[in-house]
PDB file of N, CA and C in Angstrom:
ATOM      1  N   MET A   1       0.820  -1.183   0.000  1.00  0.00           N
ATOM      2  CA  MET A   1       0.000   0.000   0.000  1.00  0.00           C
ATOM      3  C   MET A   1       0.872   1.258   0.000  1.00  0.00           C
ATOM      4  N   ASN A   2       1.952   1.251   0.811  1.00  0.00           N
ATOM      5  CA  ASN A   2       2.869   2.386   0.812  1.00  0.00           C
ATOM      6  C   ASN A   2       3.521   2.556  -0.552  1.00  0.00           C
ATOM      7  N   ASP A   3       3.908   1.437  -1.174  1.00  0.00           N
ATOM      8  CA  ASP A   3       4.522   1.515  -2.503  1.00  0.00           C
ATOM      9  C   ASP A   3       3.565   2.147  -3.511  1.00  0.00           C
ATOM     10  N   ASP A   4       2.281   1.769  -3.433  1.00  0.00           N
ATOM     11  CA  ASP A   4       1.279   2.346  -4.344  1.00  0.00           C
ATOM     12  C   ASP A   4       1.142   3.851  -4.121  1.00  0.00           C
ATOM     13  N   ALA A   5       1.156   4.278  -2.853  1.00  0.00           N
ATOM     14  CA  ALA A   5       1.038   5.704  -2.543  1.00  0.00           C
ATOM     15  C   ALA A   5       2.228   6.485  -3.083  1.00  0.00           C
ATOM     16  N   ILE A   6       3.419   5.934  -2.947  1.00  0.00           N
ATOM     17  CA  ILE A   6       4.621   6.616  -3.436  1.00  0.00           C
ATOM     18  C   ILE A   6       4.623   6.664  -4.963  1.00  0.00           C
ATOM     19  N   GLU A   7       4.229   5.580  -5.600  1.00  0.00           N
ATOM     20  CA  GLU A   7       4.177   5.550  -7.066  1.00  0.00           C
ATOM     21  C   GLU A   7       3.138   6.542  -7.595  1.00  0.00           C
ATOM     22  N   ALA A   8       1.987   6.628  -6.955  1.00  0.00           N
ATOM     23  CA  ALA A   8       0.965   7.593  -7.376  1.00  0.00           C
ATOM     24  C   ALA A   8       1.477   9.016  -7.230  1.00  0.00           C
ATOM     25  N   GLU A   9       2.216   9.283  -6.159  1.00  0.00           N
ATOM     26  CA  GLU A   9       2.780  10.628  -5.962  1.00  0.00           C
ATOM     27  C   GLU A   9       3.755  10.963  -7.082  1.00  0.00           C
ATOM     28  N   ARG A  10       4.568  10.012  -7.476  1.00  0.00           N
ATOM     29  CA  ARG A  10       5.516  10.237  -8.579  1.00  0.00           C
ATOM     30  C   ARG A  10       4.793  10.556  -9.880  1.00  0.00           C
ATOM     31  N   SER A  11       3.589  10.019 -10.036  1.00  0.00           N
ATOM     32  CA  SER A  11       2.797  10.255 -11.244  1.00  0.00           C
ATOM     33  C   SER A  11       1.991  11.539 -11.162  1.00  0.00           C
ATOM     34  N   GLY A  12       2.080  12.245 -10.032  1.00  0.00           N
ATOM     35  CA  GLY A  12       1.360  13.489  -9.870  1.00  0.00           C
ATOM     36  C   GLY A  12      -0.078  13.324  -9.423  1.00  0.00           C
ATOM     37  N   GLU A  13      -0.438  12.132  -8.963  1.00  0.00           N
ATOM     38  CA  GLU A  13      -1.795  11.868  -8.500  1.00  0.00           C
ATOM     39  C   GLU A  13      -1.881  12.049  -6.987  1.00  0.00           C
ATOM     40  N   PRO A  14      -3.068  12.385  -6.478  1.00  0.00           N
ATOM     41  CA  PRO A  14      -3.234  12.409  -5.026  1.00  0.00           C
ATOM     42  C   PRO A  14      -2.929  11.025  -4.453  1.00  0.00           C
ATOM     43  N   THR A  15      -2.382  10.992  -3.288  1.00  0.00           N
ATOM     44  CA  THR A  15      -1.961   9.716  -2.722  1.00  0.00           C
ATOM     45  C   THR A  15      -2.628   9.464  -1.381  1.00  0.00           C
ATOM     46  N   ASP A  16      -2.401   8.282  -0.884  1.00  0.00           N
ATOM     47  CA  ASP A  16      -2.884   7.905   0.444  1.00  0.00           C
ATOM     48  C   ASP A  16      -1.816   8.215   1.480  1.00  0.00           C
ATOM     49  N   ARG A  17      -2.184   8.043   2.719  1.00  0.00           N
ATOM     50  CA  ARG A  17      -1.224   8.178   3.809  1.00  0.00           C
ATOM     51  C   ARG A  17      -0.166   7.082   3.714  1.00  0.00           C
ATOM     52  N   LEU A  18       0.995   7.370   4.273  1.00  0.00           N
ATOM     53  CA  LEU A  18       2.019   6.349   4.444  1.00  0.00           C
ATOM     54  C   LEU A  18       1.917   5.850   5.876  1.00  0.00           C
ATOM     55  N   PHE A  19       1.960   4.549   6.048  1.00  0.00           N
ATOM     56  CA  PHE A  19       1.790   3.947   7.360  1.00  0.00           C
ATOM     57  C   PHE A  19       2.941   2.993   7.626  1.00  0.00           C
ATOM     58  N   SER A  20       3.568   3.128   8.798  1.00  0.00           N
ATOM     59  CA  SER A  20       4.646   2.227   9.196  1.00  0.00           C
ATOM     60  C   SER A  20       4.395   1.741  10.613  1.00  0.00           C
ATOM     61  N   LEU A  21       4.810   0.519  10.875  1.00  0.00           N
ATOM     62  CA  LEU A  21       4.699  -0.064  12.205  1.00  0.00           C
ATOM     63  C   LEU A  21       6.071  -0.597  12.583  1.00  0.00           C
ATOM     64  N   TYR A  22       6.591  -0.144  13.718  1.00  0.00           N
ATOM     65  CA  TYR A  22       7.918  -0.539  14.175  1.00  0.00           C
ATOM     66  C   TYR A  22       7.828  -1.173  15.547  1.00  0.00           C
ATOM     67  N   SER A  23       8.668  -2.167  15.781  1.00  0.00           N
ATOM     68  CA  SER A  23       8.801  -2.781  17.102  1.00  0.00           C
ATOM     69  C   SER A  23      10.036  -2.222  17.772  1.00  0.00           C
ATOM     70  N   ILE A  24       9.856  -1.769  19.002  1.00  0.00           N
ATOM     71  CA  ILE A  24      10.966  -1.272  19.807  1.00  0.00           C
ATOM     72  C   ILE A  24      10.891  -2.010  21.134  1.00  0.00           C
ATOM     73  N   GLY A  25      11.801  -2.950  21.318  1.00  0.00           N
ATOM     74  CA  GLY A  25      11.708  -3.803  22.493  1.00  0.00           C
ATOM     75  C   GLY A  25      10.432  -4.614  22.406  1.00  0.00           C
ATOM     76  N   ASP A  26       9.628  -4.558  23.453  1.00  0.00           N
ATOM     77  CA  ASP A  26       8.365  -5.292  23.450  1.00  0.00           C
ATOM     78  C   ASP A  26       7.179  -4.406  23.090  1.00  0.00           C
ATOM     79  N   ARG A  27       7.432  -3.184  22.621  1.00  0.00           N
ATOM     80  CA  ARG A  27       6.379  -2.244  22.225  1.00  0.00           C
ATOM     81  C   ARG A  27       6.383  -2.051  20.722  1.00  0.00           C
ATOM     82  N   GLU A  28       5.255  -1.646  20.190  1.00  0.00           N
ATOM     83  CA  GLU A  28       5.150  -1.267  18.787  1.00  0.00           C
ATOM     84  C   GLU A  28       4.719   0.185  18.720  1.00  0.00           C
ATOM     85  N   ILE A  29       5.173   0.884  17.680  1.00  0.00           N
ATOM     86  CA  ILE A  29       4.716   2.245  17.438  1.00  0.00           C
ATOM     87  C   ILE A  29       4.276   2.363  15.980  1.00  0.00           C
ATOM     88  N   CYS A  30       3.283   3.199  15.757  1.00  0.00           N
ATOM     89  CA  CYS A  30       2.785   3.477  14.407  1.00  0.00           C
ATOM     90  C   CYS A  30       3.272   4.863  14.004  1.00  0.00           C
ATOM     91  N   ILE A  31       3.689   4.991  12.758  1.00  0.00           N
ATOM     92  CA  ILE A  31       4.058   6.289  12.201  1.00  0.00           C
ATOM     93  C   ILE A  31       3.209   6.482  10.954  1.00  0.00           C
ATOM     94  N   ILE A  32       2.426   7.552  10.960  1.00  0.00           N
ATOM     95  CA  ILE A  32       1.502   7.832   9.861  1.00  0.00           C
ATOM     96  C   ILE A  32       1.840   9.207   9.295  1.00  0.00           C
ATOM     97  N   THR A  33       2.108   9.248   7.988  1.00  0.00           N
ATOM     98  CA  THR A  33       2.394  10.512   7.307  1.00  0.00           C
ATOM     99  C   THR A  33       1.241  10.811   6.362  1.00  0.00           C
ATOM    100  N   GLU A  34       0.703  12.022   6.471  1.00  0.00           N
ATOM    101  CA  GLU A  34      -0.434  12.416   5.642  1.00  0.00           C
ATOM    102  C   GLU A  34      -0.054  12.422   4.162  1.00  0.00           C
ATOM    103  N   TRP A  35      -1.067  12.298   3.317  1.00  0.00           N
ATOM    104  CA  TRP A  35      -0.849  12.167   1.878  1.00  0.00           C
ATOM    105  C   TRP A  35      -0.080  13.338   1.300  1.00  0.00           C
ATOM    106  N   ASP A  36      -0.281  14.536   1.846  1.00  0.00           N
ATOM    107  CA  ASP A  36       0.400  15.717   1.313  1.00  0.00           C
ATOM    108  C   ASP A  36       1.685  16.034   2.074  1.00  0.00           C
ATOM    109  N   ARG A  37       2.067  15.129   2.967  1.00  0.00           N
ATOM    110  CA  ARG A  37       3.298  15.236   3.780  1.00  0.00           C
ATOM    111  C   ARG A  37       3.262  16.443   4.709  1.00  0.00           C
ATOM    112  N   SER A  38       2.059  16.930   5.039  1.00  0.00           N
ATOM    113  CA  SER A  38       1.912  18.088   5.906  1.00  0.00           C
ATOM    114  C   SER A  38       2.080  17.755   7.375  1.00  0.00           C
ATOM    115  N   ALA A  39       1.910  16.484   7.723  1.00  0.00           N
ATOM    116  CA  ALA A  39       2.022  16.093   9.128  1.00  0.00           C
ATOM    117  C   ALA A  39       2.407  14.629   9.232  1.00  0.00           C
ATOM    118  N   THR A  40       3.177  14.334  10.247  1.00  0.00           N
ATOM    119  CA  THR A  40       3.509  12.958  10.594  1.00  0.00           C
ATOM    120  C   THR A  40       3.111  12.753  12.046  1.00  0.00           C
ATOM    121  N   THR A  41       2.398  11.654  12.303  1.00  0.00           N
ATOM    122  CA  THR A  41       1.904  11.342  13.636  1.00  0.00           C
ATOM    123  C   THR A  41       2.559  10.065  14.117  1.00  0.00           C
ATOM    124  N   ILE A  42       3.009  10.071  15.364  1.00  0.00           N
ATOM    125  CA  ILE A  42       3.604   8.885  15.981  1.00  0.00           C
ATOM    126  C   ILE A  42       2.729   8.506  17.171  1.00  0.00           C
ATOM    127  N   LEU A  43       2.275   7.247  17.198  1.00  0.00           N
ATOM    128  CA  LEU A  43       1.457   6.809  18.310  1.00  0.00           C
ATOM    129  C   LEU A  43       1.547   5.304  18.508  1.00  0.00           C
ATOM    130  N   PHE A  44       1.041   4.852  19.631  1.00  0.00           N
ATOM    131  CA  PHE A  44       0.999   3.429  19.929  1.00  0.00           C
ATOM    132  C   PHE A  44      -0.227   2.830  19.252  1.00  0.00           C
ATOM    133  N   PRO A  45      -0.172   1.547  18.845  1.00  0.00           N
ATOM    134  CA  PRO A  45      -1.303   0.939  18.135  1.00  0.00           C
ATOM    135  C   PRO A  45      -2.634   1.087  18.873  1.00  0.00           C
ATOM    136  N   GLU A  46      -2.625   1.022  20.190  1.00  0.00           N
ATOM    137  CA  GLU A  46      -3.886   1.139  20.930  1.00  0.00           C
ATOM    138  C   GLU A  46      -4.477   2.549  20.856  1.00  0.00           C
ATOM    139  N   GLU A  47      -3.688   3.522  20.423  1.00  0.00           N
ATOM    140  CA  GLU A  47      -4.174   4.894  20.250  1.00  0.00           C
ATOM    141  C   GLU A  47      -4.741   5.142  18.858  1.00  0.00           C
ATOM    142  N   TYR A  48      -4.510   4.220  17.929  1.00  0.00           N
ATOM    143  CA  TYR A  48      -4.922   4.404  16.541  1.00  0.00           C
ATOM    144  C   TYR A  48      -6.387   4.155  16.378  1.00  0.00           C
TER     145      TYR A  48
END
């Protein structure tokens, strides 16, 4: 899904958010970047 969003952006089309999930120790964090790259949000999965 992230690859599709990046490819659409390269083509000049509106895109979706970029979403990443990382494990740090025994915790996970989500990183969400808005389609227009205006904001990036970092939160725990239970906050999503």
